[in-house]
């Protein structure tokens, strides 16, 4: 396997190669460090690269394997970490220069990955406080999509997605409070599961954005996502979900956005592509729109959550002007309105729909990837309106806490990746993974490479 193929081999294959002795962790880390040095100046996917630390950890992983201790599922596999996660000794910037103190310890998510043997290459970029559906800001610059560097990888996990898509790591952690795993996956031709709420711990936090946010990964394959989720959730039974064969399922399709927006013609085409494949695989498929509420209470949680985040920033005076605008909007939300938003996660409203259907297929976004820096220099309100128009399909499922999995589904008229999301019942992440694995075998998206790779 040459260097290019090795870089894109993914988590499962890397773990196999290291266990068998056909590759070493140090070899993989050196490969990625060389690729990061060569390609990342064009992408700006990484906020920091931990070269010495990664090489030392790789050396330890190789020594452990040589001593017969290769039982750890991620032993020696090089991954990247979104800079929302605490990594001992490193500043958790959350996309801003307003945090300056290194973390005293790994958070639980990172502790589990490292305990499973993962080697961390560095921390990936995100917009300030993970607010944006584009990865840009004055502290760490604009991250660019490796399929077209004039376009956005989306956000807020845009650095993670760009790094995985360009072959600068085997996989990367991500988080999703309104679409921030699924949108970058869709924009970069990747797999991105927003898992069921609370499947992966956020500790030491109890929750984020009043229950909207979850942790997960950006990967190239469903099998990689399944393995990583099984480790992060301490649920080893999920590791095989990426190779399981699902029974015939009742699938609904919809192109109705949860918020008013104009939908590009590429999105219905993507949904129909997936629908046709599902029919050919023996699943029943019917059009049916979910019963969205007339008012979406995720906005109150999102804005109030941003204000809550800002209160924990070390040097709030360093926050960019637009972020301070979002904070003001969050502080304007009266407690009775927030209490109303917190009172109902819409699960009961959605229950009859998911009694009729096992899975919902819908677009991930309303349009192909927007321009890199699309909302740079705009006000908070202008940015919010722009994001609603571009991304009206994702936030509802953060509200309900249901799993939603973004997968590649063809390309736009100008050749950019387009994704759909599969939405399942709460706690039924395994069905989504199995169904997505079937589609991956049919569509072969993991074999595609972006120009910057």
Protein backbone atom coordinates (compact mmCIF):
# COMPACT_ATOMS: atom_id res chain seq x y z
CA UNK A 1 0.00 0.00 0.00
CA UNK A 2 1.53 3.33 -1.07
CA UNK A 3 1.50 6.45 1.10
CA UNK A 4 -1.61 7.94 -0.52
CA UNK A 5 -3.63 4.77 -0.04
CA UNK A 6 -2.35 4.37 3.50
CA UNK A 7 -3.39 7.92 4.35
CA UNK A 8 -6.95 7.17 3.23
CA UNK A 9 -7.16 3.64 4.64
CA UNK A 10 -9.16 4.74 7.69
CA UNK A 11 -9.44 3.77 11.32
CA UNK A 12 -10.50 0.13 11.01
CA UNK A 13 -7.80 -0.68 8.45
CA UNK A 14 -5.10 1.18 10.38
CA UNK A 15 -5.96 -0.77 13.53
CA UNK A 16 -5.71 -4.03 11.57
CA UNK A 17 -2.36 -3.10 10.01
CA UNK A 18 -0.87 -2.16 13.38
CA UNK A 19 -2.15 -5.32 15.07
CA UNK A 20 -0.68 -7.49 12.30
CA UNK A 21 2.64 -5.64 12.28
CA UNK A 22 2.22 -4.64 8.62
CA UNK A 23 2.39 -0.97 9.62
CA UNK A 24 3.61 0.85 12.69
CA UNK A 25 1.93 3.72 14.48
CA UNK A 26 5.08 5.79 14.03
CA UNK A 27 4.99 5.18 10.28
CA UNK A 28 1.39 6.40 10.14
CA UNK A 29 2.06 9.44 12.31
CA UNK A 30 5.08 10.43 10.20
CA UNK A 31 2.98 10.03 7.04
CA UNK A 32 0.28 12.33 8.37
CA UNK A 33 2.73 14.90 9.72
CA UNK A 34 4.34 15.12 6.28
CA UNK A 35 0.93 15.51 4.62
CA UNK A 36 -0.16 18.15 7.15
CA UNK A 37 3.01 20.15 6.53
CA UNK A 38 2.52 19.94 2.77
CA UNK A 39 -1.25 20.34 2.38
CA UNK A 40 -2.64 22.11 5.43
CA UNK A 41 -1.28 25.59 4.57
CA UNK A 42 -3.86 25.57 1.77
CA UNK A 43 -6.70 24.27 3.98
CA UNK A 44 -6.04 25.57 7.51
CA UNK A 45 -7.78 22.53 8.99
CA UNK A 46 -5.52 22.29 12.07
CA UNK A 47 -5.34 24.86 14.84
CA UNK A 48 -2.29 23.14 16.33
CA UNK A 49 -0.17 20.12 15.39
CA UNK A 50 1.31 18.12 18.26
CA UNK A 51 4.19 16.53 16.39
CA UNK A 52 6.51 15.57 19.25
CA UNK A 53 3.69 14.38 21.47
CA UNK A 54 2.14 12.30 18.67
CA UNK A 55 5.48 10.68 17.79
CA UNK A 56 6.12 9.82 21.44
CA UNK A 57 2.64 8.31 21.81
CA UNK A 58 3.14 6.35 18.58
CA UNK A 59 6.42 4.97 19.91
CA UNK A 60 4.63 3.80 23.06
CA UNK A 61 1.85 2.20 21.00
CA UNK A 62 4.38 0.30 18.90
CA UNK A 63 6.19 -0.88 22.02
CA UNK A 64 2.92 -2.07 23.50
CA UNK A 65 2.08 -4.03 20.35
CA UNK A 66 5.53 -5.59 20.26
CA UNK A 67 5.05 -6.70 23.86
CA UNK A 68 1.80 -8.47 22.93
CA UNK A 69 -0.56 -5.76 24.17
CA UNK A 70 -2.46 -5.05 20.96
CA UNK A 71 -5.88 -5.67 22.45
CA UNK A 72 -6.81 -1.98 22.51
CA UNK A 73 -9.22 -1.34 19.61
CA UNK A 74 -7.56 1.92 18.47
CA UNK A 75 -3.96 1.09 19.37
CA UNK A 76 -1.67 3.47 17.48
CA UNK A 77 -4.37 4.91 15.18
CA UNK A 78 -3.68 8.62 14.46
CA UNK A 79 -6.72 10.89 14.83
CA UNK A 80 -7.35 14.61 15.21
CA UNK A 81 -9.40 16.33 17.92
CA UNK A 82 -11.77 19.25 17.48
CA UNK A 83 -10.63 22.15 19.64
CA UNK A 84 -13.73 21.96 21.81
CA UNK A 85 -12.32 18.96 23.66
CA UNK A 86 -10.00 19.14 26.67
CA UNK A 87 -6.61 17.58 26.03
CA UNK A 88 -4.31 17.73 29.04
CA UNK A 89 -1.61 20.37 28.67
CA UNK A 90 -3.24 22.09 25.67
CA UNK A 91 -5.47 25.17 25.58
CA UNK A 92 -9.07 24.37 24.65
CA UNK A 93 -9.60 27.50 22.58
CA UNK A 94 -13.13 26.73 21.34
CA UNK A 95 -12.15 28.75 18.28
CA UNK A 96 -11.20 31.92 20.12
CA UNK A 97 -8.11 33.72 21.41
CA UNK A 98 -10.12 34.50 24.55
CA UNK A 99 -9.07 31.25 26.27
CA UNK A 100 -5.43 30.97 27.35
CA UNK A 101 -5.05 28.40 30.14
CA UNK A 102 -4.09 24.80 29.22
CA UNK A 103 -6.49 22.07 30.28
CA UNK A 104 -5.48 20.26 33.47
CA UNK A 105 -6.79 16.90 32.26
CA UNK A 106 -8.40 15.14 29.32
CA UNK A 107 -12.18 15.26 29.28
CA UNK A 108 -14.00 11.92 29.38
CA UNK A 109 -14.47 11.71 25.60
CA UNK A 110 -10.73 12.10 24.98
CA UNK A 111 -9.82 9.88 27.93
CA UNK A 112 -11.79 7.01 26.37
CA UNK A 113 -10.17 7.45 22.97
CA UNK A 114 -6.68 7.57 24.44
CA UNK A 115 -7.40 4.60 26.71
CA UNK A 116 -8.38 2.68 23.57
CA UNK A 117 -4.93 3.51 22.14
CA UNK A 118 -5.65 6.43 19.80
CA UNK A 119 -2.75 8.79 19.01
CA UNK A 120 -3.72 12.45 18.74
CA UNK A 121 -2.07 14.38 15.91
CA UNK A 122 -3.41 17.82 16.81
CA UNK A 123 -6.45 19.99 17.35
CA UNK A 124 -8.69 21.13 14.48
CA UNK A 125 -10.15 24.52 13.71
CA UNK A 126 -13.67 25.70 14.44
CA UNK A 127 -15.46 29.05 14.40
CA UNK A 128 -15.57 31.05 17.62
CA UNK A 129 -17.55 29.20 20.32
CA UNK A 130 -18.72 26.71 17.66
CA UNK A 131 -21.45 29.18 16.67
CA UNK A 132 -21.11 29.17 12.90
CA UNK A 133 -22.03 26.96 9.98
CA UNK A 134 -18.74 28.10 8.40
CA UNK A 135 -15.27 27.67 9.89
CA UNK A 136 -13.77 31.14 9.97
CA UNK A 137 -12.82 33.82 12.46
CA UNK A 138 -10.16 36.38 13.32
CA UNK A 139 -8.28 34.17 15.80
CA UNK A 140 -7.36 31.25 13.53
CA UNK A 141 -8.43 32.21 10.03
CA UNK A 142 -10.62 30.52 7.42
CA UNK A 143 -10.69 26.75 6.88
CA UNK A 144 -11.22 25.70 3.27
CA UNK A 145 -12.92 22.76 1.60
CA UNK A 146 -10.42 20.35 -0.04
CA UNK A 147 -12.89 19.75 -2.91
CA UNK A 148 -12.69 23.46 -3.82
CA UNK A 149 -10.75 25.85 -1.64
CA UNK A 150 -13.04 28.74 -2.52
CA UNK A 151 -15.85 26.88 -0.73
CA UNK A 152 -16.62 26.19 2.90
CA UNK A 153 -16.34 22.84 4.68
CA UNK A 154 -19.25 24.20 6.80
CA UNK A 155 -19.02 24.29 10.57
CA UNK A 156 -18.55 24.14 13.30
CA UNK A 157 -16.58 20.90 12.82
CA UNK A 158 -15.17 22.21 9.54
CA UNK A 159 -11.52 21.75 10.52
CA UNK A 160 -12.14 18.11 11.43
CA UNK A 161 -14.01 17.43 8.18
CA UNK A 162 -11.41 19.14 5.98
CA UNK A 163 -8.61 17.20 7.66
CA UNK A 164 -10.32 13.83 7.19
CA UNK A 165 -11.40 14.55 3.61
CA UNK A 166 -7.87 15.57 2.58
CA UNK A 167 -6.23 12.56 4.23
CA UNK A 168 -4.56 14.50 7.06
CA UNK A 169 -5.72 12.03 9.75
CA UNK A 170 -7.57 8.73 9.92
CA UNK A 171 -10.61 10.38 11.55
CA UNK A 172 -11.41 13.36 13.76
CA UNK A 173 -13.70 14.15 16.65
CA UNK A 174 -16.58 16.52 16.07
CA UNK A 175 -19.59 17.95 17.88
CA UNK A 176 -23.10 18.88 16.79
CA UNK A 177 -25.44 21.42 18.39
CA UNK A 178 -27.45 22.36 15.30
CA UNK A 179 -25.84 20.36 12.47
CA UNK A 180 -22.11 20.74 13.15
CA UNK A 181 -21.22 17.09 12.49
CA UNK A 182 -23.65 16.48 9.62
CA UNK A 183 -23.11 19.68 7.63
CA UNK A 184 -19.29 19.36 7.39
CA UNK A 185 -19.70 15.68 6.50
CA UNK A 186 -22.12 16.60 3.72
CA UNK A 187 -19.88 19.39 2.43
CA UNK A 188 -16.75 17.23 2.39
CA UNK A 189 -18.08 13.87 1.17
CA UNK A 190 -17.80 12.15 4.57
CA UNK A 191 -19.80 10.12 7.07
CA UNK A 192 -21.00 12.06 10.10
CA UNK A 193 -23.24 10.58 12.81
CA UNK A 194 -24.94 12.84 15.30
CA UNK A 195 -25.54 10.11 17.86
CA UNK A 196 -28.48 9.79 20.20
CA UNK A 197 -28.26 12.40 22.94
CA UNK A 198 -26.19 11.24 25.95
CA UNK A 199 -24.74 8.24 24.10
CA UNK A 200 -21.28 9.84 24.39
CA UNK A 201 -20.58 11.71 27.64
CA UNK A 202 -19.77 15.42 27.57
CA UNK A 203 -18.29 15.31 31.09
CA UNK A 204 -17.06 17.22 32.94
CA UNK A 205 -20.04 19.10 31.46
CA UNK A 206 -23.48 17.71 32.11
CA UNK A 207 -24.85 19.22 28.89
CA UNK A 208 -24.13 21.91 26.29
CA UNK A 209 -26.50 24.46 24.71
CA UNK A 210 -29.28 23.25 27.01
CA UNK A 211 -29.19 19.71 25.69
CA UNK A 212 -28.77 20.38 21.96
CA UNK A 213 -25.10 19.35 21.64
CA UNK A 214 -23.63 15.88 21.25
CA UNK A 215 -20.14 14.57 20.47
CA UNK A 216 -19.16 12.36 17.56
CA UNK A 217 -16.77 11.97 14.62
CA UNK A 218 -16.00 12.79 11.00
CA UNK A 219 -14.89 9.70 9.07
CA UNK A 220 -14.62 8.36 5.53
CA UNK A 221 -16.49 5.10 6.15
CA UNK A 222 -19.42 3.82 8.19
CA UNK A 223 -17.25 1.07 9.71
CA UNK A 224 -14.85 3.72 11.04
CA UNK A 225 -17.73 5.65 12.60
CA UNK A 226 -19.15 2.49 14.17
CA UNK A 227 -15.81 1.53 15.75
CA UNK A 228 -15.14 5.02 17.09
CA UNK A 229 -18.66 5.43 18.46
CA UNK A 230 -18.42 2.05 20.17
CA UNK A 231 -15.27 3.22 21.98
CA UNK A 232 -16.54 6.70 22.87
CA UNK A 233 -19.91 5.37 24.06
CA UNK A 234 -18.40 2.37 25.88
CA UNK A 235 -20.82 0.28 23.79
CA UNK A 236 -18.74 -2.46 22.11
CA UNK A 237 -21.87 -3.92 20.49
CA UNK A 238 -21.99 -0.91 18.15
CA UNK A 239 -18.60 -1.78 16.60
CA UNK A 240 -20.23 -4.37 14.35
CA UNK A 241 -23.11 -2.16 13.27
CA UNK A 242 -21.12 -0.93 10.29
CA UNK A 243 -20.99 -4.44 8.86
CA UNK A 244 -24.45 -5.68 9.92
CA UNK A 245 -27.17 -6.29 7.33
CA UNK A 246 -30.38 -4.48 8.27
CA UNK A 247 -33.78 -6.16 7.81
CA UNK A 248 -36.18 -4.62 5.25
CA UNK A 249 -37.01 -1.18 6.62
CA UNK A 250 -39.86 1.29 6.16
CA UNK A 251 -38.18 4.45 4.87
CA UNK A 252 -39.76 7.88 4.52
CA UNK A 253 -38.32 10.59 2.28
CA UNK A 254 -38.90 14.31 2.63
CA UNK A 255 -37.43 17.48 1.17
CA UNK A 256 -39.51 19.75 3.41
CA UNK A 257 -37.17 21.92 5.53
CA UNK A 258 -37.82 22.39 9.22
CA UNK A 259 -37.51 26.16 8.64
CA UNK A 260 -38.64 28.19 5.59
CA UNK A 261 -35.92 28.13 2.92
CA UNK A 262 -35.34 27.79 -0.81
CA UNK A 263 -33.97 24.33 -1.57
CA UNK A 264 -31.45 23.87 -4.40
CA UNK A 265 -32.41 21.30 -7.01
CA UNK A 266 -29.35 19.18 -6.13
CA UNK A 267 -30.94 18.25 -2.80
CA UNK A 268 -34.11 16.51 -4.05
CA UNK A 269 -31.91 14.70 -6.59
CA UNK A 270 -29.70 13.45 -3.77
CA UNK A 271 -32.68 12.21 -1.78
CA UNK A 272 -34.08 10.42 -4.84
CA UNK A 273 -30.68 8.82 -5.53
CA UNK A 274 -30.70 7.32 -2.05
CA UNK A 275 -34.38 6.36 -2.32
CA UNK A 276 -33.74 4.44 -5.54
CA UNK A 277 -30.84 2.55 -3.99
CA UNK A 278 -32.88 1.70 -0.93
CA UNK A 279 -35.71 0.30 -3.05
CA UNK A 280 -33.21 -1.83 -4.96
CA UNK A 281 -31.95 -3.17 -1.62
CA UNK A 282 -35.43 -4.34 -0.64
CA UNK A 283 -36.57 -1.50 1.60
CA UNK A 284 -39.99 0.11 1.22
CA UNK A 285 -39.77 3.84 0.48
CA UNK A 286 -42.56 6.43 0.59
CA UNK A 287 -42.71 10.22 0.63
CA UNK A 288 -43.93 11.61 3.96
CA UNK A 289 -43.16 14.92 5.70
CA UNK A 290 -42.50 14.94 9.46
CA UNK A 291 -44.95 16.97 11.60
CA UNK A 292 -42.69 19.90 12.41
CA UNK A 293 -44.00 22.38 14.99
CA UNK A 294 -45.06 25.86 13.83
CA UNK A 295 -42.33 27.31 16.08
CA UNK A 296 -38.89 25.72 16.46
CA UNK A 297 -37.74 26.08 20.10
CA UNK A 298 -34.14 25.14 19.29
CA UNK A 299 -33.31 28.82 18.64
CA UNK A 300 -33.87 29.80 22.26
CA UNK A 301 -31.63 26.99 23.50
CA UNK A 302 -28.95 27.78 20.91
CA UNK A 303 -28.75 31.51 21.64
CA UNK A 304 -29.04 31.14 25.42
CA UNK A 305 -26.37 28.44 25.23
CA UNK A 306 -24.00 30.80 23.44
CA UNK A 307 -24.50 33.38 26.18
CA UNK A 308 -23.83 30.68 28.77
CA UNK A 309 -20.60 29.69 26.97
CA UNK A 310 -19.41 33.28 26.83
CA UNK A 311 -19.76 33.56 30.60
CA UNK A 312 -17.06 30.88 31.01
CA UNK A 313 -14.55 32.52 28.64
CA UNK A 314 -11.37 33.75 30.35
CA UNK A 315 -11.00 37.01 28.43
CA UNK A 316 -14.41 37.91 26.96
CA UNK A 317 -13.10 41.26 25.73
CA UNK A 318 -11.20 39.32 23.07
CA UNK A 319 -14.36 37.83 21.51
CA UNK A 320 -15.05 39.06 17.99
CA UNK A 321 -17.77 41.63 17.39
CA UNK A 322 -20.19 39.17 15.80
CA UNK A 323 -19.83 36.71 18.69
CA UNK A 324 -20.62 39.49 21.15
CA UNK A 325 -23.74 40.14 19.09
CA UNK A 326 -24.80 36.49 19.45
CA UNK A 327 -24.16 36.75 23.19
CA UNK A 328 -26.40 39.83 23.43
CA UNK A 329 -29.17 38.00 21.57
CA UNK A 330 -28.88 35.12 24.02
CA UNK A 331 -29.04 37.40 27.03
CA UNK A 332 -32.21 39.01 25.66
CA UNK A 333 -34.14 35.75 25.87
CA UNK A 334 -36.45 36.01 28.91
CA UNK A 335 -36.54 33.10 31.34
CA UNK A 336 -40.21 32.22 30.61
CA UNK A 337 -39.36 31.88 26.91
CA UNK A 338 -36.35 29.68 27.66
CA UNK A 339 -38.46 27.60 30.05
CA UNK A 340 -40.99 27.11 27.23
CA UNK A 341 -38.22 26.01 24.88
CA UNK A 342 -36.92 23.53 27.46
CA UNK A 343 -40.33 22.10 28.28
CA UNK A 344 -40.76 19.92 25.19
CA UNK A 345 -38.22 18.15 23.01
CA UNK A 346 -40.91 17.28 20.45
CA UNK A 347 -40.48 13.53 20.99
CA UNK A 348 -44.20 12.94 21.51
CA UNK A 349 -45.02 14.99 18.41
CA UNK A 350 -42.64 12.86 16.32
CA UNK A 351 -43.60 9.49 17.82
CA UNK A 352 -46.49 8.68 15.40
CA UNK A 353 -44.26 9.46 12.41
CA UNK A 354 -41.55 7.07 13.63
CA UNK A 355 -44.19 4.46 14.42
CA UNK A 356 -45.01 4.46 10.69
CA UNK A 357 -41.40 4.69 9.51
CA UNK A 358 -38.12 3.21 10.71
CA UNK A 359 -35.89 5.80 9.04
CA UNK A 360 -36.31 9.23 7.46
CA UNK A 361 -34.13 10.33 4.51
CA UNK A 362 -33.85 14.07 3.93
CA UNK A 363 -31.28 16.63 2.74
CA UNK A 364 -28.50 17.67 5.07
CA UNK A 365 -28.57 21.27 3.78
CA UNK A 366 -30.58 23.45 1.43
CA UNK A 367 -27.72 24.12 -0.97
CA UNK A 368 -24.24 22.92 -1.95
CA UNK A 369 -21.27 24.28 0.04
CA UNK A 370 -21.36 28.05 0.44
CA UNK A 371 -18.31 30.24 -0.15
CA UNK A 372 -15.49 30.06 2.37
CA UNK A 373 -15.97 33.03 4.70
CA UNK A 374 -19.57 33.39 3.48
CA UNK A 375 -20.69 35.39 6.52
CA UNK A 376 -17.39 37.05 7.43
CA UNK A 377 -17.95 40.64 8.56
CA UNK A 378 -21.72 40.28 8.93
CA UNK A 379 -23.66 41.04 12.09
CA UNK A 380 -24.98 38.31 14.36
CA UNK A 381 -28.51 38.73 13.00
CA UNK A 382 -27.34 38.76 9.38
CA UNK A 383 -25.23 35.65 9.97
CA UNK A 384 -28.08 33.86 11.73
CA UNK A 385 -30.47 34.57 8.86
CA UNK A 386 -27.89 33.40 6.35
CA UNK A 387 -27.35 30.15 8.22
CA UNK A 388 -31.09 29.50 8.50
CA UNK A 389 -31.41 29.86 4.73
CA UNK A 390 -28.50 27.48 4.05
CA UNK A 391 -29.07 24.93 6.82
CA UNK A 392 -32.79 24.50 7.57
CA UNK A 393 -32.81 20.68 7.86
CA UNK A 394 -30.66 19.84 10.87
CA UNK A 395 -31.49 21.64 14.14
CA UNK A 396 -34.83 19.92 14.78
CA UNK A 397 -33.09 16.59 15.39
CA UNK A 398 -30.83 18.17 18.02
CA UNK A 399 -34.02 19.19 19.77
CA UNK A 400 -35.51 15.70 19.73
CA UNK A 401 -32.21 14.00 20.58
CA UNK A 402 -32.65 11.42 17.81
CA UNK A 403 -29.66 10.04 15.89
CA UNK A 404 -29.07 11.54 12.44
CA UNK A 405 -26.36 10.31 10.09
CA UNK A 406 -25.03 12.32 7.13
CA UNK A 407 -23.72 10.37 4.14
CA UNK A 408 -22.49 11.40 0.67
CA UNK A 409 -25.18 11.36 -2.02
CA UNK A 410 -23.65 12.49 -5.28
CA UNK A 411 -22.53 15.94 -6.36
CA UNK A 412 -23.96 19.33 -7.22
CA UNK A 413 -24.00 20.74 -10.77
CA UNK A 414 -20.53 22.20 -10.16
CA UNK A 415 -19.08 18.98 -8.75
CA UNK A 416 -19.21 19.71 -5.02
CA UNK A 417 -20.19 16.95 -2.56
CA UNK A 418 -23.85 16.78 -1.58
CA UNK A 419 -25.11 14.84 1.43
CA UNK A 420 -28.35 13.52 2.86
CA UNK A 421 -29.12 12.63 6.44
CA UNK A 422 -30.72 9.45 7.72
CA UNK A 423 -32.79 10.07 10.87
CA UNK A 424 -33.76 7.23 13.19
CA UNK A 425 -35.56 6.57 16.42
CA UNK A 426 -33.88 7.63 19.65
CA UNK A 427 -31.39 4.97 20.70
CA UNK A 428 -31.45 3.18 17.34
CA UNK A 429 -28.05 4.36 16.10
CA UNK A 430 -27.19 0.79 15.07
CA UNK A 431 -29.94 0.69 12.43
CA UNK A 432 -28.70 3.92 10.85
CA UNK A 433 -25.14 2.60 10.75
CA UNK A 434 -26.20 -0.71 9.17
CA UNK A 435 -28.36 1.03 6.56
CA UNK A 436 -25.61 3.52 5.73
CA UNK A 437 -23.12 0.67 5.34
CA UNK A 438 -25.42 -0.93 2.76
CA UNK A 439 -25.52 2.33 0.84
CA UNK A 440 -21.76 2.78 1.08
CA UNK A 441 -21.24 -0.63 -0.52
CA UNK A 442 -23.53 0.44 -3.36
CA UNK A 443 -22.21 3.98 -3.91
CA UNK A 444 -18.51 3.57 -3.08
CA UNK A 445 -18.03 7.08 -1.72
CA UNK A 446 -14.93 6.17 0.32
CA UNK A 447 -12.93 5.75 -2.90
CA UNK A 448 -13.32 9.39 -3.96
CA UNK A 449 -10.47 11.84 -3.31
CA UNK A 450 -10.65 15.64 -3.33
CA UNK A 451 -8.25 17.73 -5.44
CA UNK A 452 -6.36 18.87 -2.33
CA UNK A 453 -5.22 15.46 -1.13
